[in-house]
Amino acid sequence: MVLEKVSTEADKKLRDYELVLIISPRLSDEEAEVAINNVSRYITNGEGTITEIVKWGKRKLAYPIKDFTEANYVLVKFQLGPALDKGLEAQLRISEEILRHLLVRVGN
């Protein structure tokens, strides 16, 4: 994962985010934990802080995604500089373990 340099003082201010991950049900519990740790590592390497990780467990999907009808859901609450959120989304898009994700900025 490549981190971008933060250039201005305004970009150094951390913003609150919530991230919902839908992780492939083919992964074992250990492999799913590795996928979550990779996301956590990207956030902390970008000088962000993780405030909470909630594992919702395996849930039925509203519609099939890549022929799966259920998947593991994880909610991650964290703070990250605004310059790095696009990089995080890019990494999530290319990840084979993560079927879908939703990154939402909370607050201002």
Protein backbone atom coordinates (compact mmCIF):
# COMPACT_ATOMS: atom_id res chain seq x y z
CA MET A 1 0.00 0.00 0.00
CA VAL A 2 1.34 3.39 -0.99
CA LEU A 3 0.64 6.35 1.27
CA GLU A 4 0.42 9.85 -0.15
CA LYS A 5 2.30 12.72 1.46
CA VAL A 6 0.17 15.18 3.39
CA SER A 7 1.01 18.62 2.08
CA THR A 8 -0.93 21.27 4.00
CA GLU A 9 -1.88 21.91 7.61
CA ALA A 10 -5.58 21.60 6.73
CA ASP A 11 -4.94 18.11 5.38
CA LYS A 12 -3.35 17.03 8.67
CA LYS A 13 -6.61 17.44 10.59
CA LEU A 14 -8.15 14.05 11.26
CA ARG A 15 -11.75 13.40 10.23
CA ASP A 16 -14.15 10.82 11.63
CA TYR A 17 -15.16 7.94 9.35
CA GLU A 18 -17.22 4.77 9.52
CA LEU A 19 -16.40 1.87 7.23
CA VAL A 20 -18.60 -1.17 6.66
CA LEU A 21 -16.81 -4.13 5.11
CA ILE A 22 -18.53 -7.11 3.50
CA ILE A 23 -15.94 -9.87 3.57
CA SER A 24 -16.08 -13.06 1.50
CA PRO A 25 -17.61 -16.03 3.35
CA ARG A 26 -14.99 -18.32 1.78
CA LEU A 27 -12.37 -16.94 4.16
CA SER A 28 -11.68 -18.72 7.42
CA ASP A 29 -11.93 -16.71 10.64
CA GLU A 30 -8.15 -16.28 10.63
CA GLU A 31 -8.08 -15.09 7.01
CA ALA A 32 -10.92 -12.64 7.67
CA GLU A 33 -8.97 -11.32 10.65
CA VAL A 34 -5.94 -10.78 8.38
CA ALA A 35 -8.11 -8.78 5.94
CA ILE A 36 -9.37 -6.60 8.83
CA ASN A 37 -5.81 -6.16 10.11
CA ASN A 38 -4.66 -5.03 6.64
CA VAL A 39 -7.30 -2.28 6.65
CA SER A 40 -6.35 -1.33 10.22
CA ARG A 41 -2.68 -1.21 9.31
CA TYR A 42 -3.37 1.13 6.37
CA ILE A 43 -5.25 3.49 8.69
CA THR A 44 -2.61 3.50 11.43
CA ASN A 45 0.28 3.79 8.94
CA GLY A 46 -1.45 6.91 7.62
CA GLU A 47 -1.30 8.35 11.15
CA GLY A 48 -4.99 7.64 11.70
CA THR A 49 -6.54 6.15 14.81
CA ILE A 50 -9.06 3.33 15.09
CA THR A 51 -11.71 3.94 17.72
CA GLU A 52 -13.81 0.79 17.34
CA ILE A 53 -14.07 -2.45 15.36
CA VAL A 54 -17.40 -4.29 15.57
CA LYS A 55 -17.72 -7.72 13.96
CA TRP A 56 -21.37 -8.27 13.07
CA GLY A 57 -20.70 -11.82 11.93
CA LYS A 58 -22.10 -13.72 8.97
CA ARG A 59 -25.32 -12.22 7.58
CA LYS A 60 -27.55 -12.92 4.61
CA LEU A 61 -27.04 -10.52 1.70
CA ALA A 62 -29.96 -8.57 0.26
CA TYR A 63 -28.89 -9.74 -3.21
CA PRO A 64 -26.16 -12.12 -4.44
CA ILE A 65 -22.67 -10.65 -4.80
CA LYS A 66 -20.25 -12.75 -6.87
CA ASP A 67 -22.61 -15.74 -6.39
CA PHE A 68 -22.51 -15.42 -2.57
CA THR A 69 -25.77 -15.15 -0.64
CA GLU A 70 -24.15 -14.41 2.72
CA ALA A 71 -20.99 -12.72 3.94
CA ASN A 72 -19.17 -11.47 7.03
CA TYR A 73 -19.90 -7.88 8.04
CA VAL A 74 -17.48 -5.64 9.95
CA LEU A 75 -17.90 -2.02 11.09
CA VAL A 76 -14.74 0.04 11.62
CA LYS A 77 -14.89 3.51 13.21
CA PHE A 78 -11.72 5.54 12.81
CA GLN A 79 -10.11 8.92 12.27
CA LEU A 80 -7.95 9.63 9.23
CA GLY A 81 -6.56 12.60 7.34
CA PRO A 82 -8.66 13.63 4.33
CA ALA A 83 -5.79 13.14 1.91
CA LEU A 84 -5.69 9.39 2.61
CA ASP A 85 -9.38 8.41 2.34
CA LYS A 86 -9.24 8.04 -1.47
CA GLY A 87 -6.21 5.78 -1.15
CA LEU A 88 -8.03 3.61 1.38
CA GLU A 89 -11.00 3.26 -0.97
CA ALA A 90 -8.69 2.33 -3.84
CA GLN A 91 -7.12 -0.43 -1.73
CA LEU A 92 -10.54 -1.74 -0.73
CA ARG A 93 -11.70 -1.84 -4.36
CA ILE A 94 -8.79 -4.02 -5.49
CA SER A 95 -8.96 -6.38 -2.50
CA GLU A 96 -10.26 -9.82 -3.47
CA GLU A 97 -11.32 -10.65 0.10
CA ILE A 98 -13.64 -7.65 0.41
CA LEU A 99 -16.79 -8.05 -1.69
CA ARG A 100 -18.18 -4.56 -0.97
CA HIS A 101 -17.44 -1.62 1.29
CA LEU A 102 -19.06 1.64 2.34
CA LEU A 103 -16.90 4.49 3.63
CA VAL A 104 -18.82 7.36 5.21
CA ARG A 105 -17.43 10.58 6.67
CA VAL A 106 -19.15 11.33 9.99
CA GLY A 107 -19.79 14.84 11.25
CA ASN A 108 -18.41 18.01 9.65
